[in-house]
PDB file of all heavy atoms in Angstrom:
ATOM      1  N   GLN A   1     -16.693   5.037  71.633  1.00  0.00           N
ATOM      2  CA  GLN A   1     -15.823   6.213  71.592  1.00  0.00           C
ATOM      3  C   GLN A   1     -15.702   6.775  70.183  1.00  0.00           C
ATOM      4  O   GLN A   1     -15.646   6.016  69.204  1.00  0.00           O
ATOM      5  CB  GLN A   1     -14.424   5.853  72.108  1.00  0.00           C
ATOM      6  CG  GLN A   1     -13.514   7.044  72.229  1.00  0.00           C
ATOM      7  CD  GLN A   1     -12.735   7.046  73.531  1.00  0.00           C
ATOM      8  OE1 GLN A   1     -13.242   6.627  74.566  1.00  0.00           O
ATOM      9  NE2 GLN A   1     -11.508   7.502  73.475  1.00  0.00           N
ATOM     10  N   SER A   2     -15.645   8.103  70.090  1.00  0.00           N
ATOM     11  CA  SER A   2     -15.386   8.849  68.848  1.00  0.00           C
ATOM     12  C   SER A   2     -16.442   8.546  67.779  1.00  0.00           C
ATOM     13  O   SER A   2     -17.553   8.141  68.083  1.00  0.00           O
ATOM     14  CB  SER A   2     -13.977   8.555  68.333  1.00  0.00           C
ATOM     15  OG  SER A   2     -13.040   8.886  69.331  1.00  0.00           O
ATOM     16  N   GLU A   3     -16.062   8.752  66.532  1.00  0.00           N
ATOM     17  CA  GLU A   3     -16.999   8.540  65.432  1.00  0.00           C
ATOM     18  C   GLU A   3     -16.285   7.869  64.265  1.00  0.00           C
ATOM     19  O   GLU A   3     -15.124   8.174  63.983  1.00  0.00           O
ATOM     20  CB  GLU A   3     -17.553   9.882  64.922  1.00  0.00           C
ATOM     21  CG  GLU A   3     -18.396  10.642  65.918  1.00  0.00           C
ATOM     22  CD  GLU A   3     -18.830  11.996  65.366  1.00  0.00           C
ATOM     23  OE1 GLU A   3     -18.135  12.528  64.466  1.00  0.00           O
ATOM     24  OE2 GLU A   3     -19.857  12.527  65.827  1.00  0.00           O
ATOM     25  N   ILE A   4     -16.978   6.960  63.610  1.00  0.00           N
ATOM     26  CA  ILE A   4     -16.483   6.472  62.320  1.00  0.00           C
ATOM     27  C   ILE A   4     -17.133   7.311  61.217  1.00  0.00           C
ATOM     28  O   ILE A   4     -16.468   7.784  60.305  1.00  0.00           O
ATOM     29  CB  ILE A   4     -16.799   4.968  62.132  1.00  0.00           C
ATOM     30  CG1 ILE A   4     -15.964   4.139  63.127  1.00  0.00           C
ATOM     31  CG2 ILE A   4     -16.500   4.541  60.690  1.00  0.00           C
ATOM     32  CD1 ILE A   4     -16.220   2.645  63.061  1.00  0.00           C
ATOM     33  N   ARG A   5     -18.464   7.531  61.349  1.00  0.00           N
ATOM     34  CA  ARG A   5     -19.196   8.388  60.424  1.00  0.00           C
ATOM     35  C   ARG A   5     -19.779   9.568  61.206  1.00  0.00           C
ATOM     36  O   ARG A   5     -20.408   9.366  62.247  1.00  0.00           O
ATOM     37  CB  ARG A   5     -20.318   7.602  59.728  1.00  0.00           C
ATOM     38  CG  ARG A   5     -19.822   6.741  58.573  1.00  0.00           C
ATOM     39  CD  ARG A   5     -20.934   5.905  57.973  1.00  0.00           C
ATOM     40  NE  ARG A   5     -21.253   4.773  58.837  1.00  0.00           N
ATOM     41  CZ  ARG A   5     -20.595   3.600  58.802  1.00  0.00           C
ATOM     42  NH1 ARG A   5     -19.604   3.432  57.957  1.00  0.00           N
ATOM     43  NH2 ARG A   5     -20.932   2.614  59.614  1.00  0.00           N
ATOM     44  N   ALA A   6     -19.535  10.754  60.715  1.00  0.00           N
ATOM     45  CA  ALA A   6     -19.969  11.975  61.413  1.00  0.00           C
ATOM     46  C   ALA A   6     -21.472  11.958  61.675  1.00  0.00           C
ATOM     47  O   ALA A   6     -22.271  11.591  60.803  1.00  0.00           O
ATOM     48  CB  ALA A   6     -19.600  13.201  60.583  1.00  0.00           C
ATOM     49  N   GLY A   7     -21.816  12.332  62.896  1.00  0.00           N
ATOM     50  CA  GLY A   7     -23.218  12.460  63.251  1.00  0.00           C
ATOM     51  C   GLY A   7     -23.876  11.187  63.726  1.00  0.00           C
ATOM     52  O   GLY A   7     -25.000  11.221  64.232  1.00  0.00           O
ATOM     53  N   GLU A   8     -23.209  10.041  63.554  1.00  0.00           N
ATOM     54  CA  GLU A   8     -23.776   8.767  64.012  1.00  0.00           C
ATOM     55  C   GLU A   8     -23.321   8.488  65.445  1.00  0.00           C
ATOM     56  O   GLU A   8     -22.349   9.070  65.921  1.00  0.00           O
ATOM     57  CB  GLU A   8     -23.344   7.633  63.070  1.00  0.00           C
ATOM     58  CG  GLU A   8     -23.987   7.732  61.699  1.00  0.00           C
ATOM     59  CD  GLU A   8     -23.773   6.482  60.864  1.00  0.00           C
ATOM     60  OE1 GLU A   8     -23.211   5.494  61.385  1.00  0.00           O
ATOM     61  OE2 GLU A   8     -24.173   6.505  59.680  1.00  0.00           O
ATOM     62  N   PRO A   9     -24.017   7.581  66.160  1.00  0.00           N
ATOM     63  CA  PRO A   9     -23.619   7.274  67.541  1.00  0.00           C
ATOM     64  C   PRO A   9     -22.180   6.762  67.614  1.00  0.00           C
ATOM     65  O   PRO A   9     -21.651   6.201  66.644  1.00  0.00           O
ATOM     66  CB  PRO A   9     -24.601   6.162  67.952  1.00  0.00           C
ATOM     67  CG  PRO A   9     -25.757   6.311  67.031  1.00  0.00           C
ATOM     68  CD  PRO A   9     -25.211   6.833  65.743  1.00  0.00           C
ATOM     69  N   GLU A  10     -21.568   6.984  68.757  1.00  0.00           N
ATOM     70  CA  GLU A  10     -20.197   6.493  68.958  1.00  0.00           C
ATOM     71  C   GLU A  10     -20.175   4.960  68.850  1.00  0.00           C
ATOM     72  O   GLU A  10     -20.975   4.285  69.512  1.00  0.00           O
ATOM     73  CB  GLU A  10     -19.680   6.902  70.335  1.00  0.00           C
ATOM     74  CG  GLU A  10     -19.431   8.391  70.491  1.00  0.00           C
ATOM     75  CD  GLU A  10     -18.858   8.726  71.849  1.00  0.00           C
ATOM     76  OE1 GLU A  10     -19.538   8.427  72.852  1.00  0.00           O
ATOM     77  OE2 GLU A  10     -17.751   9.261  71.917  1.00  0.00           O
ATOM     78  N   PRO A  11     -19.292   4.404  68.036  1.00  0.00           N
ATOM     79  CA  PRO A  11     -19.264   2.946  67.878  1.00  0.00           C
ATOM     80  C   PRO A  11     -18.524   2.257  69.024  1.00  0.00           C
ATOM     81  O   PRO A  11     -17.773   2.889  69.774  1.00  0.00           O
ATOM     82  CB  PRO A  11     -18.496   2.761  66.566  1.00  0.00           C
ATOM     83  CG  PRO A  11     -17.586   3.943  66.510  1.00  0.00           C
ATOM     84  CD  PRO A  11     -18.316   5.073  67.185  1.00  0.00           C
ATOM     85  N   GLN A  12     -18.747   0.949  69.132  1.00  0.00           N
ATOM     86  CA  GLN A  12     -17.924   0.135  70.034  1.00  0.00           C
ATOM     87  C   GLN A  12     -16.484   0.215  69.528  1.00  0.00           C
ATOM     88  O   GLN A  12     -16.243   0.142  68.323  1.00  0.00           O
ATOM     89  CB  GLN A  12     -18.377  -1.326  69.997  1.00  0.00           C
ATOM     90  CG  GLN A  12     -19.794  -1.564  70.486  1.00  0.00           C
ATOM     91  CD  GLN A  12     -20.318  -2.895  69.969  1.00  0.00           C
ATOM     92  OE1 GLN A  12     -20.760  -2.976  68.829  1.00  0.00           O
ATOM     93  NE2 GLN A  12     -20.275  -3.931  70.803  1.00  0.00           N
ATOM     94  N   ILE A  13     -15.530   0.339  70.427  1.00  0.00           N
ATOM     95  CA  ILE A  13     -14.144   0.482  69.949  1.00  0.00           C
ATOM     96  C   ILE A  13     -13.653  -0.823  69.303  1.00  0.00           C
ATOM     97  O   ILE A  13     -12.664  -0.815  68.576  1.00  0.00           O
ATOM     98  CB  ILE A  13     -13.171   0.962  71.057  1.00  0.00           C
ATOM     99  CG1 ILE A  13     -13.137   0.018  72.258  1.00  0.00           C
ATOM    100  CG2 ILE A  13     -13.511   2.380  71.487  1.00  0.00           C
ATOM    101  CD1 ILE A  13     -12.068   0.392  73.283  1.00  0.00           C
ATOM    102  N   LEU A  14     -14.379  -1.923  69.521  1.00  0.00           N
ATOM    103  CA  LEU A  14     -14.027  -3.180  68.855  1.00  0.00           C
ATOM    104  C   LEU A  14     -14.327  -3.117  67.355  1.00  0.00           C
ATOM    105  O   LEU A  14     -13.858  -3.960  66.591  1.00  0.00           O
ATOM    106  CB  LEU A  14     -14.788  -4.344  69.501  1.00  0.00           C
ATOM    107  CG  LEU A  14     -14.230  -5.762  69.308  1.00  0.00           C
ATOM    108  CD1 LEU A  14     -12.778  -5.859  69.737  1.00  0.00           C
ATOM    109  CD2 LEU A  14     -15.070  -6.773  70.058  1.00  0.00           C
ATOM    110  N   ASP A  15     -15.096  -2.094  66.928  1.00  0.00           N
ATOM    111  CA  ASP A  15     -15.381  -1.943  65.504  1.00  0.00           C
ATOM    112  C   ASP A  15     -14.238  -1.269  64.752  1.00  0.00           C
ATOM    113  O   ASP A  15     -14.202  -1.301  63.528  1.00  0.00           O
ATOM    114  CB  ASP A  15     -16.666  -1.120  65.291  1.00  0.00           C
ATOM    115  CG  ASP A  15     -17.919  -1.925  65.639  1.00  0.00           C
ATOM    116  OD1 ASP A  15     -17.841  -3.168  65.612  1.00  0.00           O
ATOM    117  OD2 ASP A  15     -18.949  -1.311  65.945  1.00  0.00           O
ATOM    118  N   TYR A  16     -13.307  -0.649  65.491  1.00  0.00           N
ATOM    119  CA  TYR A  16     -12.176   0.003  64.838  1.00  0.00           C
ATOM    120  C   TYR A  16     -11.153  -1.045  64.405  1.00  0.00           C
ATOM    121  O   TYR A  16     -10.750  -1.901  65.192  1.00  0.00           O
ATOM    122  CB  TYR A  16     -11.507   1.012  65.771  1.00  0.00           C
ATOM    123  CG  TYR A  16     -12.331   2.259  66.002  1.00  0.00           C
ATOM    124  CD1 TYR A  16     -13.106   2.393  67.156  1.00  0.00           C
ATOM    125  CD2 TYR A  16     -12.327   3.298  65.075  1.00  0.00           C
ATOM    126  CE1 TYR A  16     -13.862   3.538  67.378  1.00  0.00           C
ATOM    127  CE2 TYR A  16     -13.085   4.443  65.284  1.00  0.00           C
ATOM    128  CZ  TYR A  16     -13.849   4.551  66.437  1.00  0.00           C
ATOM    129  OH  TYR A  16     -14.598   5.682  66.637  1.00  0.00           O
ATOM    130  N   GLN A  17     -10.723  -0.927  63.150  1.00  0.00           N
ATOM    131  CA  GLN A  17      -9.762  -1.901  62.627  1.00  0.00           C
ATOM    132  C   GLN A  17      -8.463  -1.895  63.433  1.00  0.00           C
ATOM    133  O   GLN A  17      -7.839  -2.945  63.652  1.00  0.00           O
ATOM    134  CB  GLN A  17      -9.464  -1.600  61.154  1.00  0.00           C
ATOM    135  CG  GLN A  17      -8.686  -2.709  60.453  1.00  0.00           C
ATOM    136  CD  GLN A  17      -8.356  -2.356  59.018  1.00  0.00           C
ATOM    137  OE1 GLN A  17      -7.582  -1.435  58.753  1.00  0.00           O
ATOM    138  NE2 GLN A  17      -8.961  -3.070  58.079  1.00  0.00           N
ATOM    139  N   THR A  18      -8.046  -0.718  63.898  1.00  0.00           N
ATOM    140  CA  THR A  18      -6.803  -0.639  64.683  1.00  0.00           C
ATOM    141  C   THR A  18      -6.917  -1.450  65.976  1.00  0.00           C
ATOM    142  O   THR A  18      -5.958  -2.106  66.389  1.00  0.00           O
ATOM    143  CB  THR A  18      -6.457   0.826  65.022  1.00  0.00           C
ATOM    144  OG1 THR A  18      -7.620   1.462  65.576  1.00  0.00           O
ATOM    145  CG2 THR A  18      -5.975   1.567  63.794  1.00  0.00           C
ATOM    146  N   GLN A  19      -8.107  -1.389  66.608  1.00  0.00           N
ATOM    147  CA  GLN A  19      -8.314  -2.159  67.846  1.00  0.00           C
ATOM    148  C   GLN A  19      -8.310  -3.656  67.548  1.00  0.00           C
ATOM    149  O   GLN A  19      -7.740  -4.450  68.290  1.00  0.00           O
ATOM    150  CB  GLN A  19      -9.636  -1.742  68.502  1.00  0.00           C
ATOM    151  CG  GLN A  19      -9.836  -2.264  69.929  1.00  0.00           C
ATOM    152  CD  GLN A  19      -9.038  -1.475  70.965  1.00  0.00           C
ATOM    153  OE1 GLN A  19      -8.109  -0.756  70.630  1.00  0.00           O
ATOM    154  NE2 GLN A  19      -9.382  -1.638  72.234  1.00  0.00           N
ATOM    155  N   GLN A  20      -8.940  -4.030  66.455  1.00  0.00           N
ATOM    156  CA  GLN A  20      -8.939  -5.449  66.048  1.00  0.00           C
ATOM    157  C   GLN A  20      -7.520  -5.921  65.759  1.00  0.00           C
ATOM    158  O   GLN A  20      -7.140  -7.032  66.129  1.00  0.00           O
ATOM    159  CB  GLN A  20      -9.819  -5.628  64.805  1.00  0.00           C
ATOM    160  CG  GLN A  20     -11.292  -5.361  65.039  1.00  0.00           C
ATOM    161  CD  GLN A  20     -12.082  -5.262  63.742  1.00  0.00           C
ATOM    162  OE1 GLN A  20     -11.601  -5.655  62.671  1.00  0.00           O
ATOM    163  NE2 GLN A  20     -13.296  -4.718  63.821  1.00  0.00           N
ATOM    164  N   TYR A  21      -6.724  -5.062  65.112  1.00  0.00           N
ATOM    165  CA  TYR A  21      -5.353  -5.435  64.753  1.00  0.00           C
ATOM    166  C   TYR A  21      -4.474  -5.571  65.998  1.00  0.00           C
ATOM    167  O   TYR A  21      -3.550  -6.379  66.025  1.00  0.00           O
ATOM    168  CB  TYR A  21      -4.757  -4.397  63.799  1.00  0.00           C
ATOM    169  CG  TYR A  21      -3.427  -4.812  63.217  1.00  0.00           C
ATOM    170  CD1 TYR A  21      -3.325  -5.896  62.337  1.00  0.00           C
ATOM    171  CD2 TYR A  21      -2.260  -4.129  63.549  1.00  0.00           C
ATOM    172  CE1 TYR A  21      -2.108  -6.282  61.805  1.00  0.00           C
ATOM    173  CE2 TYR A  21      -1.036  -4.508  63.019  1.00  0.00           C
ATOM    174  CZ  TYR A  21      -0.963  -5.590  62.152  1.00  0.00           C
ATOM    175  OH  TYR A  21       0.244  -5.972  61.634  1.00  0.00           O
ATOM    176  N   LYS A  22      -4.790  -4.784  67.033  1.00  0.00           N
ATOM    177  CA  LYS A  22      -4.060  -4.928  68.303  1.00  0.00           C
ATOM    178  C   LYS A  22      -4.419  -6.244  68.991  1.00  0.00           C
ATOM    179  O   LYS A  22      -3.547  -6.956  69.504  1.00  0.00           O
ATOM    180  CB  LYS A  22      -4.415  -3.777  69.263  1.00  0.00           C
ATOM    181  CG  LYS A  22      -3.835  -2.435  68.935  1.00  0.00           C
ATOM    182  CD  LYS A  22      -4.397  -1.408  69.940  1.00  0.00           C
ATOM    183  CE  LYS A  22      -4.165   0.009  69.479  1.00  0.00           C
ATOM    184  NZ  LYS A  22      -4.881   0.991  70.317  1.00  0.00           N
ATOM    185  N   LEU A  23      -5.736  -6.555  69.021  1.00  0.00           N
ATOM    186  CA  LEU A  23      -6.216  -7.597  69.936  1.00  0.00           C
ATOM    187  C   LEU A  23      -6.425  -8.976  69.316  1.00  0.00           C
ATOM    188  O   LEU A  23      -6.167  -9.990  69.973  1.00  0.00           O
ATOM    189  CB  LEU A  23      -7.526  -7.136  70.591  1.00  0.00           C
ATOM    190  CG  LEU A  23      -7.413  -5.909  71.507  1.00  0.00           C
ATOM    191  CD1 LEU A  23      -8.775  -5.509  72.046  1.00  0.00           C
ATOM    192  CD2 LEU A  23      -6.451  -6.168  72.661  1.00  0.00           C
ATOM    193  N   PHE A  24      -6.897  -9.055  68.081  1.00  0.00           N
ATOM    194  CA  PHE A  24      -7.241 -10.375  67.530  1.00  0.00           C
ATOM    195  C   PHE A  24      -6.015 -11.270  67.317  1.00  0.00           C
ATOM    196  O   PHE A  24      -6.098 -12.479  67.573  1.00  0.00           O
ATOM    197  CB  PHE A  24      -8.063 -10.233  66.249  1.00  0.00           C
ATOM    198  CG  PHE A  24      -9.443  -9.646  66.459  1.00  0.00           C
ATOM    199  CD1 PHE A  24     -10.291  -9.404  65.384  1.00  0.00           C
ATOM    200  CD2 PHE A  24      -9.895  -9.325  67.741  1.00  0.00           C
ATOM    201  CE1 PHE A  24     -11.555  -8.863  65.575  1.00  0.00           C
ATOM    202  CE2 PHE A  24     -11.162  -8.777  67.946  1.00  0.00           C
ATOM    203  CZ  PHE A  24     -11.985  -8.537  66.854  1.00  0.00           C
ATOM    204  N   PRO A  25      -4.868 -10.744  66.874  1.00  0.00           N
ATOM    205  CA  PRO A  25      -3.684 -11.621  66.815  1.00  0.00           C
ATOM    206  C   PRO A  25      -3.265 -12.137  68.195  1.00  0.00           C
ATOM    207  O   PRO A  25      -2.753 -13.253  68.309  1.00  0.00           O
ATOM    208  CB  PRO A  25      -2.602 -10.715  66.215  1.00  0.00           C
ATOM    209  CG  PRO A  25      -3.358  -9.700  65.415  1.00  0.00           C
ATOM    210  CD  PRO A  25      -4.601  -9.442  66.225  1.00  0.00           C
ATOM    211  N   LEU A  26      -3.519 -11.330  69.239  1.00  0.00           N
ATOM    212  CA  LEU A  26      -3.182 -11.775  70.600  1.00  0.00           C
ATOM    213  C   LEU A  26      -4.155 -12.853  71.065  1.00  0.00           C
ATOM    214  O   LEU A  26      -3.772 -13.776  71.795  1.00  0.00           O
ATOM    215  CB  LEU A  26      -3.198 -10.588  71.570  1.00  0.00           C
ATOM    216  CG  LEU A  26      -2.300  -9.401  71.199  1.00  0.00           C
ATOM    217  CD1 LEU A  26      -2.302  -8.372  72.319  1.00  0.00           C
ATOM    218  CD2 LEU A  26      -0.877  -9.854  70.905  1.00  0.00           C
ATOM    219  N   LEU A  27      -5.412 -12.727  70.657  1.00  0.00           N
ATOM    220  CA  LEU A  27      -6.404 -13.764  70.938  1.00  0.00           C
ATOM    221  C   LEU A  27      -5.987 -15.071  70.255  1.00  0.00           C
ATOM    222  O   LEU A  27      -6.035 -16.153  70.860  1.00  0.00           O
ATOM    223  CB  LEU A  27      -7.777 -13.305  70.447  1.00  0.00           C
ATOM    224  CG  LEU A  27      -8.937 -14.299  70.541  1.00  0.00           C
ATOM    225  CD1 LEU A  27      -9.189 -14.720  71.976  1.00  0.00           C
ATOM    226  CD2 LEU A  27     -10.201 -13.690  69.930  1.00  0.00           C
ATOM    227  N   ALA A  28      -5.549 -14.966  69.006  1.00  0.00           N
ATOM    228  CA  ALA A  28      -5.065 -16.149  68.278  1.00  0.00           C
ATOM    229  C   ALA A  28      -3.853 -16.751  68.978  1.00  0.00           C
ATOM    230  O   ALA A  28      -3.722 -17.979  69.093  1.00  0.00           O
ATOM    231  CB  ALA A  28      -4.708 -15.757  66.840  1.00  0.00           C
ATOM    232  N   MET A  29      -2.970 -15.878  69.474  1.00  0.00           N
ATOM    233  CA  MET A  29      -1.783 -16.347  70.182  1.00  0.00           C
ATOM    234  C   MET A  29      -2.166 -17.074  71.475  1.00  0.00           C
ATOM    235  O   MET A  29      -1.557 -18.095  71.832  1.00  0.00           O
ATOM    236  CB  MET A  29      -0.874 -15.156  70.508  1.00  0.00           C
ATOM    237  CG  MET A  29       0.504 -15.554  71.040  1.00  0.00           C
ATOM    238  SD  MET A  29       1.370 -14.158  71.793  1.00  0.00           S
ATOM    239  CE  MET A  29       1.523 -13.060  70.398  1.00  0.00           C
TER     240      MET A  29
END
């Protein structure tokens, strides 16, 4: 979804730091 760098393919949303911040602490929990 969306872009991190303009013109490049849409990244996996797991590459977004916000998504990691939502999910990885819950994985640790």
